[in-house]
N, C-alpha and C. Protein backbone atom coordinates (compact mmCIF):
# COMPACT_ATOMS: atom_id res chain seq x y z
N MET A 1 0.86 -1.20 0.02
CA MET A 1 -0.01 -0.01 0.01
C MET A 1 0.87 1.22 -0.01
N VAL A 2 0.29 2.33 -0.37
CA VAL A 2 1.08 3.57 -0.56
C VAL A 2 0.40 4.75 0.10
N VAL A 3 1.15 5.80 0.30
CA VAL A 3 0.58 7.02 0.98
C VAL A 3 1.03 8.29 0.24
N GLY A 4 0.59 9.43 0.75
CA GLY A 4 0.85 10.70 0.11
C GLY A 4 2.33 11.15 0.19
N ASN A 5 2.64 12.28 -0.42
CA ASN A 5 4.02 12.74 -0.56
C ASN A 5 4.75 12.91 0.76
N ASN A 6 4.10 13.42 1.79
CA ASN A 6 4.75 13.61 3.07
C ASN A 6 5.32 12.34 3.61
N TYR A 7 4.56 11.30 3.52
CA TYR A 7 4.96 10.01 4.05
C TYR A 7 5.93 9.29 3.16
N ARG A 8 5.83 9.52 1.89
CA ARG A 8 6.76 8.92 0.95
C ARG A 8 8.19 9.40 1.22
N LYS A 9 8.34 10.68 1.43
CA LYS A 9 9.65 11.24 1.71
C LYS A 9 10.21 10.73 3.01
N ARG A 10 9.38 10.66 4.04
CA ARG A 10 9.87 10.27 5.38
C ARG A 10 10.07 8.76 5.49
N ARG A 11 9.22 7.96 4.88
CA ARG A 11 9.25 6.56 5.10
C ARG A 11 9.62 5.74 3.84
N GLY A 12 9.85 6.39 2.73
CA GLY A 12 10.25 5.69 1.56
C GLY A 12 9.10 4.89 0.90
N LEU A 13 7.88 5.30 1.13
CA LEU A 13 6.72 4.62 0.60
C LEU A 13 6.31 5.25 -0.72
N ILE A 14 5.55 4.57 -1.50
CA ILE A 14 5.11 5.03 -2.84
C ILE A 14 3.88 5.91 -2.67
N LYS A 15 3.73 6.84 -3.54
CA LYS A 15 2.62 7.83 -3.52
C LYS A 15 1.33 7.23 -4.08
N ILE A 16 0.24 7.52 -3.45
CA ILE A 16 -1.09 7.19 -3.99
C ILE A 16 -1.46 8.27 -4.99
N ASP A 17 -1.94 7.88 -6.15
CA ASP A 17 -2.27 8.87 -7.17
C ASP A 17 -3.73 9.23 -7.28
N ASN A 18 -4.61 8.55 -6.51
CA ASN A 18 -6.00 8.93 -6.63
C ASN A 18 -6.64 9.05 -5.25
N ILE A 19 -7.61 9.89 -5.17
CA ILE A 19 -8.24 10.27 -3.89
C ILE A 19 -8.99 9.06 -3.31
N HIS A 20 -9.54 8.22 -4.12
CA HIS A 20 -10.30 7.03 -3.65
C HIS A 20 -9.43 6.11 -2.82
N ASP A 21 -8.29 5.70 -3.38
CA ASP A 21 -7.41 4.78 -2.66
C ASP A 21 -6.78 5.42 -1.43
N GLU A 22 -6.39 6.69 -1.56
CA GLU A 22 -5.82 7.39 -0.42
C GLU A 22 -6.80 7.52 0.73
N SER A 23 -8.07 7.78 0.38
CA SER A 23 -9.08 7.98 1.42
C SER A 23 -9.38 6.69 2.20
N ILE A 24 -9.18 5.57 1.57
CA ILE A 24 -9.41 4.29 2.32
C ILE A 24 -8.39 4.16 3.43
N THR A 25 -7.13 4.45 3.15
CA THR A 25 -6.07 4.35 4.14
C THR A 25 -6.28 5.41 5.23
N VAL A 26 -6.58 6.64 4.83
CA VAL A 26 -6.79 7.72 5.80
C VAL A 26 -8.00 7.36 6.70
N SER A 27 -9.07 6.89 6.11
CA SER A 27 -10.26 6.54 6.89
C SER A 27 -9.96 5.47 7.93
N LYS A 28 -9.20 4.45 7.57
CA LYS A 28 -8.87 3.38 8.51
C LYS A 28 -8.12 3.96 9.73
N GLY A 29 -7.14 4.81 9.46
CA GLY A 29 -6.41 5.46 10.54
C GLY A 29 -7.32 6.31 11.40
N MET A 30 -8.18 7.12 10.80
CA MET A 30 -9.08 8.01 11.55
C MET A 30 -10.05 7.22 12.40
N LEU A 31 -10.61 6.14 11.85
CA LEU A 31 -11.57 5.34 12.59
C LEU A 31 -10.98 4.63 13.80
N LYS A 32 -9.75 4.24 13.69
CA LYS A 32 -9.13 3.49 14.81
C LYS A 32 -8.47 4.42 15.85
N TYR A 33 -7.83 5.49 15.35
CA TYR A 33 -7.00 6.31 16.27
C TYR A 33 -7.52 7.70 16.54
N GLY A 34 -8.57 8.15 15.84
CA GLY A 34 -9.06 9.51 16.02
C GLY A 34 -10.03 9.62 17.19
N GLY A 35 -10.20 10.86 17.61
CA GLY A 35 -11.22 11.16 18.61
C GLY A 35 -12.59 11.11 17.92
N SER A 36 -13.65 11.46 18.65
CA SER A 36 -14.99 11.31 18.09
C SER A 36 -15.21 12.16 16.81
N PHE A 37 -14.67 13.34 16.75
CA PHE A 37 -14.83 14.18 15.58
C PHE A 37 -14.06 13.58 14.40
N ILE A 38 -12.84 13.18 14.59
CA ILE A 38 -12.01 12.62 13.52
C ILE A 38 -12.62 11.26 13.07
N ARG A 39 -13.14 10.46 13.98
CA ARG A 39 -13.79 9.23 13.62
C ARG A 39 -15.01 9.52 12.70
N SER A 40 -15.72 10.61 13.00
CA SER A 40 -16.84 11.00 12.16
C SER A 40 -16.41 11.36 10.74
N ILE A 41 -15.28 12.03 10.63
CA ILE A 41 -14.72 12.36 9.31
C ILE A 41 -14.33 11.06 8.60
N GLY A 42 -13.70 10.17 9.32
CA GLY A 42 -13.33 8.87 8.72
C GLY A 42 -14.57 8.08 8.23
N GLU A 43 -15.62 8.12 9.02
CA GLU A 43 -16.86 7.45 8.58
C GLU A 43 -17.43 8.15 7.37
N SER A 44 -17.38 9.44 7.34
CA SER A 44 -17.89 10.20 6.19
C SER A 44 -17.12 9.85 4.92
N LEU A 45 -15.85 9.64 5.03
CA LEU A 45 -15.05 9.27 3.85
C LEU A 45 -15.51 7.94 3.25
N ASN A 46 -16.00 7.06 4.10
CA ASN A 46 -16.51 5.78 3.59
C ASN A 46 -17.75 5.92 2.79
N HIS A 47 -18.46 7.02 2.91
CA HIS A 47 -19.72 7.21 2.20
C HIS A 47 -19.65 8.30 1.09
N ALA A 48 -18.56 9.04 1.06
CA ALA A 48 -18.42 10.17 0.15
C ALA A 48 -18.00 9.76 -1.25
N ASP A 49 -18.42 10.49 -2.25
CA ASP A 49 -17.92 10.29 -3.61
C ASP A 49 -16.53 10.99 -3.70
N ASP A 50 -15.86 10.83 -4.78
CA ASP A 50 -14.47 11.36 -4.89
C ASP A 50 -14.47 12.89 -4.80
N ASN A 51 -15.47 13.57 -5.27
CA ASN A 51 -15.51 15.04 -5.18
C ASN A 51 -15.58 15.46 -3.71
N ASN A 52 -16.43 14.82 -2.91
CA ASN A 52 -16.57 15.15 -1.50
C ASN A 52 -15.38 14.69 -0.70
N LYS A 53 -14.75 13.60 -1.09
CA LYS A 53 -13.49 13.17 -0.44
C LYS A 53 -12.45 14.25 -0.60
N GLN A 54 -12.33 14.83 -1.79
CA GLN A 54 -11.39 15.92 -2.04
C GLN A 54 -11.71 17.14 -1.18
N LYS A 55 -12.97 17.43 -0.99
CA LYS A 55 -13.38 18.53 -0.17
C LYS A 55 -12.96 18.31 1.30
N ILE A 56 -13.13 17.08 1.76
CA ILE A 56 -12.70 16.77 3.12
C ILE A 56 -11.19 16.95 3.25
N LYS A 57 -10.46 16.43 2.26
CA LYS A 57 -8.99 16.55 2.29
C LYS A 57 -8.55 18.01 2.30
N ASP A 58 -9.22 18.86 1.47
CA ASP A 58 -8.88 20.26 1.41
C ASP A 58 -9.26 21.04 2.65
N THR A 59 -10.33 20.62 3.31
CA THR A 59 -10.83 21.32 4.51
C THR A 59 -9.99 20.97 5.76
N TRP A 60 -9.55 19.76 5.87
CA TRP A 60 -8.76 19.33 7.05
C TRP A 60 -7.42 18.71 6.62
N PRO A 61 -6.54 19.53 6.03
CA PRO A 61 -5.28 18.95 5.53
C PRO A 61 -4.35 18.41 6.60
N GLU A 62 -4.32 19.05 7.76
CA GLU A 62 -3.45 18.54 8.86
C GLU A 62 -3.93 17.16 9.34
N GLU A 63 -5.22 17.04 9.53
CA GLU A 63 -5.76 15.76 9.94
C GLU A 63 -5.58 14.69 8.85
N TRP A 64 -5.81 15.08 7.60
CA TRP A 64 -5.66 14.14 6.50
C TRP A 64 -4.23 13.59 6.43
N ASN A 65 -3.26 14.46 6.62
CA ASN A 65 -1.86 14.06 6.52
C ASN A 65 -1.36 13.25 7.77
N LYS A 66 -2.10 13.32 8.80
CA LYS A 66 -1.74 12.62 10.03
C LYS A 66 -2.05 11.13 9.97
N TYR A 67 -3.11 10.77 9.29
CA TYR A 67 -3.66 9.40 9.44
C TYR A 67 -3.29 8.35 8.39
N PRO A 68 -2.68 8.71 7.25
CA PRO A 68 -2.35 7.64 6.30
C PRO A 68 -1.38 6.61 6.86
N GLU A 69 -0.37 7.10 7.59
CA GLU A 69 0.63 6.17 8.14
C GLU A 69 -0.03 5.22 9.15
N LEU A 70 -0.93 5.76 9.96
CA LEU A 70 -1.65 4.92 10.93
C LEU A 70 -2.52 3.91 10.21
N GLY A 71 -3.18 4.36 9.14
CA GLY A 71 -4.00 3.44 8.34
C GLY A 71 -3.16 2.34 7.72
N LEU A 72 -1.95 2.63 7.28
CA LEU A 72 -1.07 1.64 6.75
C LEU A 72 -0.71 0.58 7.80
N CYS A 73 -0.48 1.04 8.99
CA CYS A 73 -0.17 0.07 10.09
C CYS A 73 -1.31 -0.91 10.26
N ILE A 74 -2.54 -0.44 10.18
CA ILE A 74 -3.71 -1.32 10.32
C ILE A 74 -3.69 -2.31 9.15
N GLU A 75 -3.47 -1.85 7.94
CA GLU A 75 -3.49 -2.73 6.77
C GLU A 75 -2.39 -3.79 6.89
N PHE A 76 -1.21 -3.41 7.36
CA PHE A 76 -0.15 -4.42 7.51
C PHE A 76 -0.49 -5.42 8.61
N GLU A 77 -1.09 -4.94 9.71
CA GLU A 77 -1.52 -5.84 10.79
C GLU A 77 -2.54 -6.87 10.26
N ASP A 78 -3.44 -6.37 9.40
CA ASP A 78 -4.52 -7.25 8.85
C ASP A 78 -3.93 -8.33 7.96
N ARG A 79 -2.80 -8.06 7.32
CA ARG A 79 -2.20 -9.02 6.42
C ARG A 79 -1.44 -10.14 7.16
N GLU A 80 -0.99 -9.82 8.38
CA GLU A 80 -0.19 -10.80 9.13
C GLU A 80 -1.04 -11.81 9.87
């Protein structure tokens, strides 16, 4: 799995090129590790179309950039 530019540079991971795939990873991190507000955003990502996912990303960029790495941890745990 891959994440956005910030994490690629820090962790050597590959960049996600579309909002749909990126939002899946972000949502997983938000749902597991976020507070009630962030979990609500993560749940909203699961129901949003790509246009609204982009709006969420643009509205909360700090939160969006915080959770892909945590979402990746969940995905790797699920594989093991």
